[in-house]
C-alpha cells in the first residue's frame, strides 16, 4: 500500500455492542501491523464513525487517496447504491480526493482459499 494511501474498512453496523467490538478489535490488530493511519474503520449505519467522518478526519491530516474495502460477503444494495452515493457526495465536497471502492471481501479471490483452509481444519 502506498505511503499516501489510506484503506477504510466499511462494515454494516449493528445495535449489538459485541458486533461492533469485534470489528474495532480487528481494526486495532491491523493498525499494529500497518501504519496507524493506513487502516481505518467506518460503518454504514447504526454505529459511528461513518465513511464521511473518517475521510474528513484523514483529509484534515493531508490524506487524499483512499480505498474502501467493504466487509461484506457479497455485493448488494449497499455496494450497488449506498456506498457509491456516499463516495460521490464526499467527492463533491472534497474535489481533490480519490476514492476507489473495492469488491467486498467475500468476493475476493483470497477469500475462497481462506474458507477452504478453515473447512480443512474442521
Protein backbone atom coordinates (compact mmCIF):
# COMPACT_ATOMS: atom_id res chain seq x y z
CA UNK A 1 0.00 0.00 0.00
CA UNK A 2 1.40 3.40 -0.98
CA UNK A 3 2.51 5.80 1.73
CA UNK A 4 -0.16 8.37 0.86
CA UNK A 5 -2.99 5.84 0.64
CA UNK A 6 -5.43 5.01 3.43
CA UNK A 7 -7.59 1.90 3.49
CA UNK A 8 -11.04 2.19 5.01
CA UNK A 9 -12.77 -0.99 6.11
CA UNK A 10 -16.51 -0.42 5.97
CA UNK A 11 -18.89 -2.64 7.90
CA UNK A 12 -22.66 -2.59 8.01
CA UNK A 13 -23.36 -1.61 11.60
CA UNK A 14 -25.37 -3.16 14.41
CA UNK A 15 -27.15 -2.28 17.62
CA UNK A 16 -25.27 -5.16 19.27
CA UNK A 17 -22.17 -3.77 21.04
CA UNK A 18 -20.40 -7.15 20.77
CA UNK A 19 -20.72 -6.99 16.98
CA UNK A 20 -19.12 -3.54 16.88
CA UNK A 21 -16.41 -4.60 19.34
CA UNK A 22 -15.27 -7.43 17.05
CA UNK A 23 -14.72 -5.00 14.17
CA UNK A 24 -12.96 -2.49 16.41
CA UNK A 25 -10.63 -5.24 17.68
CA UNK A 26 -9.86 -6.29 14.11
CA UNK A 27 -9.15 -2.66 13.22
CA UNK A 28 -6.76 -2.29 16.17
CA UNK A 29 -4.89 -5.50 15.26
CA UNK A 30 -4.49 -4.30 11.68
CA UNK A 31 -3.25 -0.90 12.88
CA UNK A 32 -0.46 -2.71 14.75
CA UNK A 33 0.63 -4.48 11.55
CA UNK A 34 0.35 -1.40 9.36
CA UNK A 35 0.87 2.30 9.97
CA UNK A 36 -1.76 3.68 12.35
CA UNK A 37 -3.33 5.99 9.74
CA UNK A 38 -3.23 3.37 6.96
CA UNK A 39 -6.15 1.32 8.25
CA UNK A 40 -9.44 2.86 9.35
CA UNK A 41 -12.89 1.59 10.18
CA UNK A 42 -16.24 3.06 9.16
CA UNK A 43 -19.82 1.87 9.41
CA UNK A 44 -22.78 2.12 7.04
CA UNK A 45 -25.30 2.85 9.76
CA UNK A 46 -26.18 2.30 13.44
CA UNK A 47 -22.55 2.85 14.50
CA UNK A 48 -20.01 5.57 14.06
CA UNK A 49 -17.89 6.81 12.51
CA UNK A 50 -19.38 6.75 9.05
CA UNK A 51 -17.42 6.97 5.80
CA UNK A 52 -17.76 10.74 5.55
CA UNK A 53 -16.44 11.29 9.10
CA UNK A 54 -13.40 9.05 8.55
CA UNK A 55 -12.49 10.70 5.25
CA UNK A 56 -12.92 14.18 6.73
CA UNK A 57 -10.65 13.25 9.66
CA UNK A 58 -7.96 11.89 7.31
CA UNK A 59 -8.41 14.72 4.80
CA UNK A 60 -7.62 17.22 7.56
CA UNK A 61 -4.27 15.44 8.02
CA UNK A 62 -3.47 15.77 4.31
CA UNK A 63 -4.69 12.37 3.06
CA UNK A 64 -6.35 12.45 -0.35
CA UNK A 65 -6.21 8.86 -1.62
CA UNK A 66 -8.49 6.20 -0.22
CA UNK A 67 -9.54 2.65 -0.92
CA UNK A 68 -12.76 1.42 0.65
CA UNK A 69 -12.90 -2.30 1.47
CA UNK A 70 -16.44 -3.48 2.26
CA UNK A 71 -16.51 -6.10 5.00
CA UNK A 72 -19.45 -7.82 3.29
CA UNK A 73 -19.80 -11.34 1.93
CA UNK A 74 -21.33 -10.23 -1.37
CA UNK A 75 -22.50 -7.25 -3.38
CA UNK A 76 -25.97 -5.94 -2.75
CA UNK A 77 -27.79 -2.66 -2.28
CA UNK A 78 -25.05 -1.14 -0.14
CA UNK A 79 -22.42 -1.99 -2.77
CA UNK A 80 -24.51 -1.03 -5.77
CA UNK A 81 -26.21 2.11 -4.44
CA UNK A 82 -25.46 3.29 -0.92
CA UNK A 83 -21.66 3.31 -0.82
CA UNK A 84 -21.24 4.75 -4.35
CA UNK A 85 -23.71 7.51 -3.41
CA UNK A 86 -21.74 8.29 -0.25
CA UNK A 87 -18.49 8.34 -2.21
CA UNK A 88 -19.96 10.72 -4.81
CA UNK A 89 -21.18 13.07 -2.08
CA UNK A 90 -17.73 13.07 -0.47
CA UNK A 91 -16.04 13.76 -3.82
CA UNK A 92 -18.36 16.74 -4.33
CA UNK A 93 -17.20 18.21 -1.01
CA UNK A 94 -13.51 17.41 -1.45
CA UNK A 95 -12.84 17.53 -5.19
CA UNK A 96 -9.16 16.52 -4.98
CA UNK A 97 -9.96 13.32 -3.06
CA UNK A 98 -9.56 9.98 -4.86
CA UNK A 99 -11.70 7.11 -3.59
CA UNK A 100 -11.69 3.59 -5.00
CA UNK A 101 -14.43 1.18 -3.94
CA UNK A 102 -13.06 -2.36 -3.81
CA UNK A 103 -15.07 -5.57 -4.12
CA UNK A 104 -16.45 -6.94 -0.85
CA UNK A 105 -14.16 -9.35 0.98
CA UNK A 106 -16.46 -12.28 0.26
CA UNK A 107 -15.86 -11.81 -3.47
CA UNK A 108 -12.07 -11.51 -3.18
CA UNK A 109 -10.16 -14.46 -4.69
CA UNK A 110 -8.25 -14.99 -1.44
CA UNK A 111 -11.47 -15.47 0.50
CA UNK A 112 -12.18 -18.81 -1.17
CA UNK A 113 -8.69 -20.06 -0.29
CA UNK A 114 -9.11 -18.92 3.31
CA UNK A 115 -12.51 -20.58 3.54
CA UNK A 116 -11.04 -23.83 2.22
CA UNK A 117 -8.33 -23.69 4.91
CA UNK A 118 -10.91 -23.12 7.63
CA UNK A 119 -13.03 -26.02 6.38
CA UNK A 120 -9.98 -28.29 6.23
CA UNK A 121 -9.26 -27.51 9.86
CA UNK A 122 -12.79 -28.50 10.99
